[in-house]
Each structure stands twice: as structure tokens, then as C-alpha cells.
Amino acid sequence: MGAKSTKTYSKIVIDIADYIFANPAEKMQSVLRKFAEICGKSPKTVERHYYKAQEYNKNRLSDANDAANNAIISRAVKDAENGLSSRSDCLEILMDIAKNGKRDCDKISAIRVVGAWEGWEAPTKSELTGKDGAPLIPREIRSSDEILSEIAELEKRMQI
């Protein structure tokens, strides 16, 4: 595991993680029963290991994606230094990686970058109102004198 993953995992967690990774379509209950038999533990105990195994796989994929993104970026930088700096040249390189990459994570990362560049992703929602639907810009702009007098009035009321 890479720099992000500092947590240590037990052998059973890693074994479950490897099994889940190799058999992604297998149902959770089936995996729990198998490993409960193998380990001689209750399915409930194995379930805790199962969730840690999912975390382990998530970290493993995140590290692999980071490495793939770094490889893509370094290759694009290297190609840009060699004169391949146009958008179409970069897209061509990414499509080549997506089709002929050695690892699946390289292919997936290349497809993600191409998708982002080509606008395949759904637009993100933006909040255009303030708290509880109020406008972002106040309706009235008050002077500092008005604000100070209101504060003084509130202070008087609080002393009553």
C-alpha cells in the first residue's frame, strides 16, 4: 500500500480483501459464511473483518488510482516537453492508454480524464441561495451608524 495507507491490517482482513477483490459479484453473506467456516469464528466476527477488508480495498484502489494519475500526468508532461502539447495530441495519448494500458487502473484513470475533458460528466449542482433559501446578498444595506444604534438598543433591552 502507498503513502496514504498507514493502517495495518490482520491477515484475515487481507485474505478477505483479496477474495472480495477477485470475486466482486459474490454476495456478502456468502463470503461471511465461507470465512466463518475457514477461521472457525462467528459470522458476526467475520463481518467486522469484512468491513475492514472493504476499507483495505478502497485504500488499495485509491493508491493505485493516484499512481496511475501520476503516471498519466508525467507522461503528458514528458510528451509536452517533446512537442506534443495540443489538446488533440494529449487526448490521443490518453485514448491510447485507455485502449492499450498495461493495468486496468491506468485504463480507468485515462478514461476518467478524457471524460472530464470532453464533458461526459454530469454538471455539479451549485447552491445559489443563502441559508434556508435566503438571498446571498442582503436586501438592505445599512450604515455602520444604524448597526451601532441597533446594537446599543439591544444592549439596553438586555439590561432590563
C-alpha atoms as a PDB file:
ATOM      1  CA  MET A   1       0.000   0.000   0.000  1.00  0.00           C
ATOM      2  CA  GLY A   2       1.131   3.546  -0.688  1.00  0.00           C
ATOM      3  CA  ALA A   3       1.783   6.640   1.345  1.00  0.00           C
ATOM      4  CA  LYS A   4      -1.881   7.261   2.206  1.00  0.00           C
ATOM      5  CA  SER A   5      -2.393   3.905   3.908  1.00  0.00           C
ATOM      6  CA  THR A   6      -0.666   3.855   7.279  1.00  0.00           C
ATOM      7  CA  LYS A   7      -3.082   1.441   8.953  1.00  0.00           C
ATOM      8  CA  THR A   8      -2.016  -2.170   9.419  1.00  0.00           C
ATOM      9  CA  TYR A   9      -4.446  -4.966   8.721  1.00  0.00           C
ATOM     10  CA  SER A  10      -4.607  -8.513  10.032  1.00  0.00           C
ATOM     11  CA  LYS A  11      -4.018 -11.493   7.749  1.00  0.00           C
ATOM     12  CA  ILE A  12      -7.705 -12.439   7.748  1.00  0.00           C
ATOM     13  CA  VAL A  13      -8.691  -8.919   6.664  1.00  0.00           C
ATOM     14  CA  ILE A  14      -6.192  -9.036   3.809  1.00  0.00           C
ATOM     15  CA  ASP A  15      -7.360 -12.531   2.817  1.00  0.00           C
ATOM     16  CA  ILE A  16     -10.983 -11.382   2.763  1.00  0.00           C
ATOM     17  CA  ALA A  17     -10.000  -8.247   0.837  1.00  0.00           C
ATOM     18  CA  ASP A  18      -8.173 -10.322  -1.779  1.00  0.00           C
ATOM     19  CA  TYR A  19     -11.155 -12.659  -2.065  1.00  0.00           C
ATOM     20  CA  ILE A  20     -13.636  -9.765  -2.432  1.00  0.00           C
ATOM     21  CA  PHE A  21     -11.354  -8.121  -4.997  1.00  0.00           C
ATOM     22  CA  ALA A  22     -11.133 -11.332  -7.035  1.00  0.00           C
ATOM     23  CA  ASN A  23     -14.873 -12.143  -6.696  1.00  0.00           C
ATOM     24  CA  PRO A  24     -16.714  -8.797  -6.734  1.00  0.00           C
ATOM     25  CA  ALA A  25     -20.077 -10.346  -7.664  1.00  0.00           C
ATOM     26  CA  GLU A  26     -20.186 -12.695  -4.669  1.00  0.00           C
ATOM     27  CA  LYS A  27     -22.744 -11.727  -2.029  1.00  0.00           C
ATOM     28  CA  MET A  28     -21.565 -10.543   1.369  1.00  0.00           C
ATOM     29  CA  GLN A  29     -23.398 -13.297   3.281  1.00  0.00           C
ATOM     30  CA  SER A  30     -21.723 -15.960   1.165  1.00  0.00           C
ATOM     31  CA  VAL A  31     -18.287 -14.507   1.882  1.00  0.00           C
ATOM     32  CA  LEU A  32     -19.090 -14.288   5.597  1.00  0.00           C
ATOM     33  CA  ARG A  33     -20.163 -17.944   5.731  1.00  0.00           C
ATOM     34  CA  LYS A  34     -17.032 -19.115   3.865  1.00  0.00           C
ATOM     35  CA  PHE A  35     -14.620 -17.223   6.062  1.00  0.00           C
ATOM     36  CA  ALA A  36     -16.505 -18.085   9.256  1.00  0.00           C
ATOM     37  CA  GLU A  37     -16.016 -21.777   8.380  1.00  0.00           C
ATOM     38  CA  ILE A  38     -12.361 -21.306   7.432  1.00  0.00           C
ATOM     39  CA  CYS A  39     -11.486 -19.285  10.551  1.00  0.00           C
ATOM     40  CA  GLY A  40     -13.788 -21.052  12.984  1.00  0.00           C
ATOM     41  CA  LYS A  41     -15.296 -17.724  14.035  1.00  0.00           C
ATOM     42  CA  SER A  42     -18.857 -16.470  14.106  1.00  0.00           C
ATOM     43  CA  PRO A  43     -20.228 -14.716  11.020  1.00  0.00           C
ATOM     44  CA  LYS A  44     -20.672 -11.573  13.160  1.00  0.00           C
ATOM     45  CA  THR A  45     -16.949 -11.515  13.971  1.00  0.00           C
ATOM     46  CA  VAL A  46     -16.083 -12.122  10.329  1.00  0.00           C
ATOM     47  CA  GLU A  47     -18.458  -9.289   9.378  1.00  0.00           C
ATOM     48  CA  ARG A  48     -16.226  -6.790  11.210  1.00  0.00           C
ATOM     49  CA  HIS A  49     -13.264  -8.148   9.261  1.00  0.00           C
ATOM     50  CA  TYR A  50     -15.334  -7.882   6.056  1.00  0.00           C
ATOM     51  CA  TYR A  51     -15.897  -4.143   6.564  1.00  0.00           C
ATOM     52  CA  LYS A  52     -12.203  -3.629   7.306  1.00  0.00           C
ATOM     53  CA  ALA A  53     -11.443  -5.590   4.114  1.00  0.00           C
ATOM     54  CA  GLN A  54     -13.663  -3.221   2.143  1.00  0.00           C
ATOM     55  CA  GLU A  55     -11.746  -0.289   3.636  1.00  0.00           C
ATOM     56  CA  TYR A  56      -8.475  -2.011   2.735  1.00  0.00           C
ATOM     57  CA  ASN A  57      -9.626  -2.461  -0.883  1.00  0.00           C
ATOM     58  CA  LYS A  58     -10.800   1.141  -1.050  1.00  0.00           C
ATOM     59  CA  ASN A  59      -7.363   2.333   0.101  1.00  0.00           C
ATOM     60  CA  ARG A  60      -5.658  -0.059  -2.301  1.00  0.00           C
ATOM     61  CA  LEU A  61      -7.699   1.237  -5.261  1.00  0.00           C
ATOM     62  CA  SER A  62      -7.180   4.837  -4.194  1.00  0.00           C
ATOM     63  CA  ASP A  63      -3.414   4.323  -4.068  1.00  0.00           C
ATOM     64  CA  ALA A  64      -3.471   2.604  -7.471  1.00  0.00           C
ATOM     65  CA  ASN A  65      -5.537   5.411  -8.985  1.00  0.00           C
ATOM     66  CA  ASP A  66      -3.180   8.022  -7.554  1.00  0.00           C
ATOM     67  CA  ALA A  67      -0.209   6.182  -9.028  1.00  0.00           C
ATOM     68  CA  ALA A  68      -1.979   5.887 -12.393  1.00  0.00           C
ATOM     69  CA  ASN A  69      -2.894   9.568 -12.401  1.00  0.00           C
ATOM     70  CA  ASN A  70       0.712  10.474 -11.596  1.00  0.00           C
ATOM     71  CA  ALA A  71       1.908   8.228 -14.438  1.00  0.00           C
ATOM     72  CA  ILE A  72      -0.534   9.844 -16.871  1.00  0.00           C
ATOM     73  CA  ILE A  73       0.483  13.325 -15.798  1.00  0.00           C
ATOM     74  CA  SER A  74       4.202  12.563 -16.003  1.00  0.00           C
ATOM     75  CA  ARG A  75       3.740  11.020 -19.448  1.00  0.00           C
ATOM     76  CA  ALA A  76       1.737  14.046 -20.605  1.00  0.00           C
ATOM     77  CA  VAL A  77       4.440  16.370 -19.246  1.00  0.00           C
ATOM     78  CA  LYS A  78       7.158  14.350 -20.958  1.00  0.00           C
ATOM     79  CA  ASP A  79       5.221  14.388 -24.232  1.00  0.00           C
ATOM     80  CA  ALA A  80       4.575  18.129 -23.858  1.00  0.00           C
ATOM     81  CA  GLU A  81       8.316  18.655 -23.490  1.00  0.00           C
ATOM     82  CA  ASN A  82       8.783  16.692 -26.716  1.00  0.00           C
ATOM     83  CA  GLY A  83       6.367  18.956 -28.578  1.00  0.00           C
ATOM     84  CA  LEU A  84       3.072  17.132 -28.039  1.00  0.00           C
ATOM     85  CA  SER A  85       1.208  19.867 -26.256  1.00  0.00           C
ATOM     86  CA  SER A  86      -2.046  20.300 -28.141  1.00  0.00           C
ATOM     87  CA  ARG A  87      -5.307  19.072 -26.695  1.00  0.00           C
ATOM     88  CA  SER A  88      -5.802  16.602 -29.531  1.00  0.00           C
ATOM     89  CA  ASP A  89      -2.300  15.147 -29.002  1.00  0.00           C
ATOM     90  CA  CYS A  90      -2.996  14.702 -25.286  1.00  0.00           C
ATOM     91  CA  LEU A  91      -6.407  13.132 -25.973  1.00  0.00           C
ATOM     92  CA  GLU A  92      -4.792  10.758 -28.437  1.00  0.00           C
ATOM     93  CA  ILE A  93      -2.249   9.701 -25.792  1.00  0.00           C
ATOM     94  CA  LEU A  94      -4.980   9.207 -23.196  1.00  0.00           C
ATOM     95  CA  MET A  95      -7.080   7.151 -25.610  1.00  0.00           C
ATOM     96  CA  ASP A  96      -4.018   5.004 -26.337  1.00  0.00           C
ATOM     97  CA  ILE A  97      -3.570   4.417 -22.604  1.00  0.00           C
ATOM     98  CA  ALA A  98      -7.296   3.643 -22.253  1.00  0.00           C
ATOM     99  CA  LYS A  99      -7.111   1.032 -25.026  1.00  0.00           C
ATOM    100  CA  ASN A 100      -3.645  -0.434 -24.528  1.00  0.00           C
ATOM    101  CA  GLY A 101      -2.703   0.326 -20.912  1.00  0.00           C
ATOM    102  CA  LYS A 102      -0.974  -2.473 -19.016  1.00  0.00           C
ATOM    103  CA  ARG A 103      -3.074  -2.151 -15.868  1.00  0.00           C
ATOM    104  CA  ASP A 104      -6.827  -1.703 -15.513  1.00  0.00           C
ATOM    105  CA  CYS A 105      -6.362   1.228 -13.145  1.00  0.00           C
ATOM    106  CA  ASP A 106      -4.323   3.046 -15.849  1.00  0.00           C
ATOM    107  CA  LYS A 107      -7.120   2.481 -18.352  1.00  0.00           C
ATOM    108  CA  ILE A 108      -9.797   3.666 -15.925  1.00  0.00           C
ATOM    109  CA  SER A 109      -7.848   6.781 -14.990  1.00  0.00           C
ATOM    110  CA  ALA A 110      -7.267   7.657 -18.643  1.00  0.00           C
ATOM    111  CA  ILE A 111     -10.973   7.251 -19.372  1.00  0.00           C
ATOM    112  CA  ARG A 112     -11.837   9.475 -16.392  1.00  0.00           C
ATOM    113  CA  VAL A 113      -9.529  12.235 -17.632  1.00  0.00           C
ATOM    114  CA  VAL A 114     -10.882  12.015 -21.192  1.00  0.00           C
ATOM    115  CA  GLY A 115     -14.428  12.069 -19.827  1.00  0.00           C
ATOM    116  CA  ALA A 116     -13.723  15.166 -17.773  1.00  0.00           C
ATOM    117  CA  TRP A 117     -12.075  16.932 -20.731  1.00  0.00           C
ATOM    118  CA  GLU A 118     -14.872  16.002 -23.112  1.00  0.00           C
ATOM    119  CA  GLY A 119     -17.663  16.957 -20.706  1.00  0.00           C
ATOM    120  CA  TRP A 120     -19.083  13.457 -20.200  1.00  0.00           C
ATOM    121  CA  GLU A 121     -19.638  14.064 -16.503  1.00  0.00           C
ATOM    122  CA  ALA A 122     -22.956  15.402 -15.245  1.00  0.00           C
ATOM    123  CA  PRO A 123     -22.788  19.036 -14.186  1.00  0.00           C
ATOM    124  CA  THR A 124     -22.396  19.651 -10.482  1.00  0.00           C
ATOM    125  CA  LYS A 125     -25.134  21.402  -8.567  1.00  0.00           C
ATOM    126  CA  SER A 126     -24.366  24.775  -7.050  1.00  0.00           C
ATOM    127  CA  GLU A 127     -26.225  26.415  -4.210  1.00  0.00           C
ATOM    128  CA  LEU A 128     -27.433  29.816  -5.381  1.00  0.00           C
ATOM    129  CA  THR A 129     -29.164  30.873  -2.200  1.00  0.00           C
ATOM    130  CA  GLY A 130     -28.102  31.632   1.321  1.00  0.00           C
ATOM    131  CA  LYS A 131     -29.099  29.845   4.494  1.00  0.00           C
ATOM    132  CA  ASP A 132     -32.666  28.459   4.411  1.00  0.00           C
ATOM    133  CA  GLY A 133     -33.261  29.815   0.906  1.00  0.00           C
ATOM    134  CA  ALA A 134     -32.497  33.430   1.827  1.00  0.00           C
ATOM    135  CA  PRO A 135     -30.750  35.535  -0.817  1.00  0.00           C
ATOM    136  CA  LEU A 136     -26.959  35.598  -0.809  1.00  0.00           C
ATOM    137  CA  ILE A 137     -26.899  39.403  -0.974  1.00  0.00           C
ATOM    138  CA  PRO A 138     -28.725  41.222   1.820  1.00  0.00           C
ATOM    139  CA  ARG A 139     -31.832  43.080   0.670  1.00  0.00           C
ATOM    140  CA  GLU A 140     -30.931  46.244   2.511  1.00  0.00           C
ATOM    141  CA  ILE A 141     -27.550  47.741   3.125  1.00  0.00           C
ATOM    142  CA  ARG A 142     -27.280  49.554   6.430  1.00  0.00           C
ATOM    143  CA  SER A 143     -24.712  52.068   7.520  1.00  0.00           C
ATOM    144  CA  SER A 144     -22.396  51.413  10.412  1.00  0.00           C
ATOM    145  CA  ASP A 145     -24.220  54.090  12.446  1.00  0.00           C
ATOM    146  CA  GLU A 146     -27.514  52.229  12.028  1.00  0.00           C
ATOM    147  CA  ILE A 147     -25.886  48.967  13.084  1.00  0.00           C
ATOM    148  CA  LEU A 148     -24.250  50.569  16.149  1.00  0.00           C
ATOM    149  CA  SER A 149     -27.536  52.156  17.236  1.00  0.00           C
ATOM    150  CA  GLU A 150     -29.312  48.807  16.882  1.00  0.00           C
ATOM    151  CA  ILE A 151     -26.605  47.133  18.997  1.00  0.00           C
ATOM    152  CA  ALA A 152     -26.957  49.845  21.647  1.00  0.00           C
ATOM    153  CA  GLU A 153     -30.736  49.360  21.653  1.00  0.00           C
ATOM    154  CA  LEU A 154     -30.332  45.594  22.116  1.00  0.00           C
ATOM    155  CA  GLU A 155     -27.876  46.123  24.956  1.00  0.00           C
ATOM    156  CA  LYS A 156     -30.400  48.419  26.724  1.00  0.00           C
ATOM    157  CA  ARG A 157     -33.115  45.771  26.403  1.00  0.00           C
ATOM    158  CA  MET A 158     -30.854  43.077  27.804  1.00  0.00           C
ATOM    159  CA  GLN A 159     -30.154  45.127  30.946  1.00  0.00           C
ATOM    160  CA  ILE A 160     -33.866  45.320  31.812  1.00  0.00           C
END
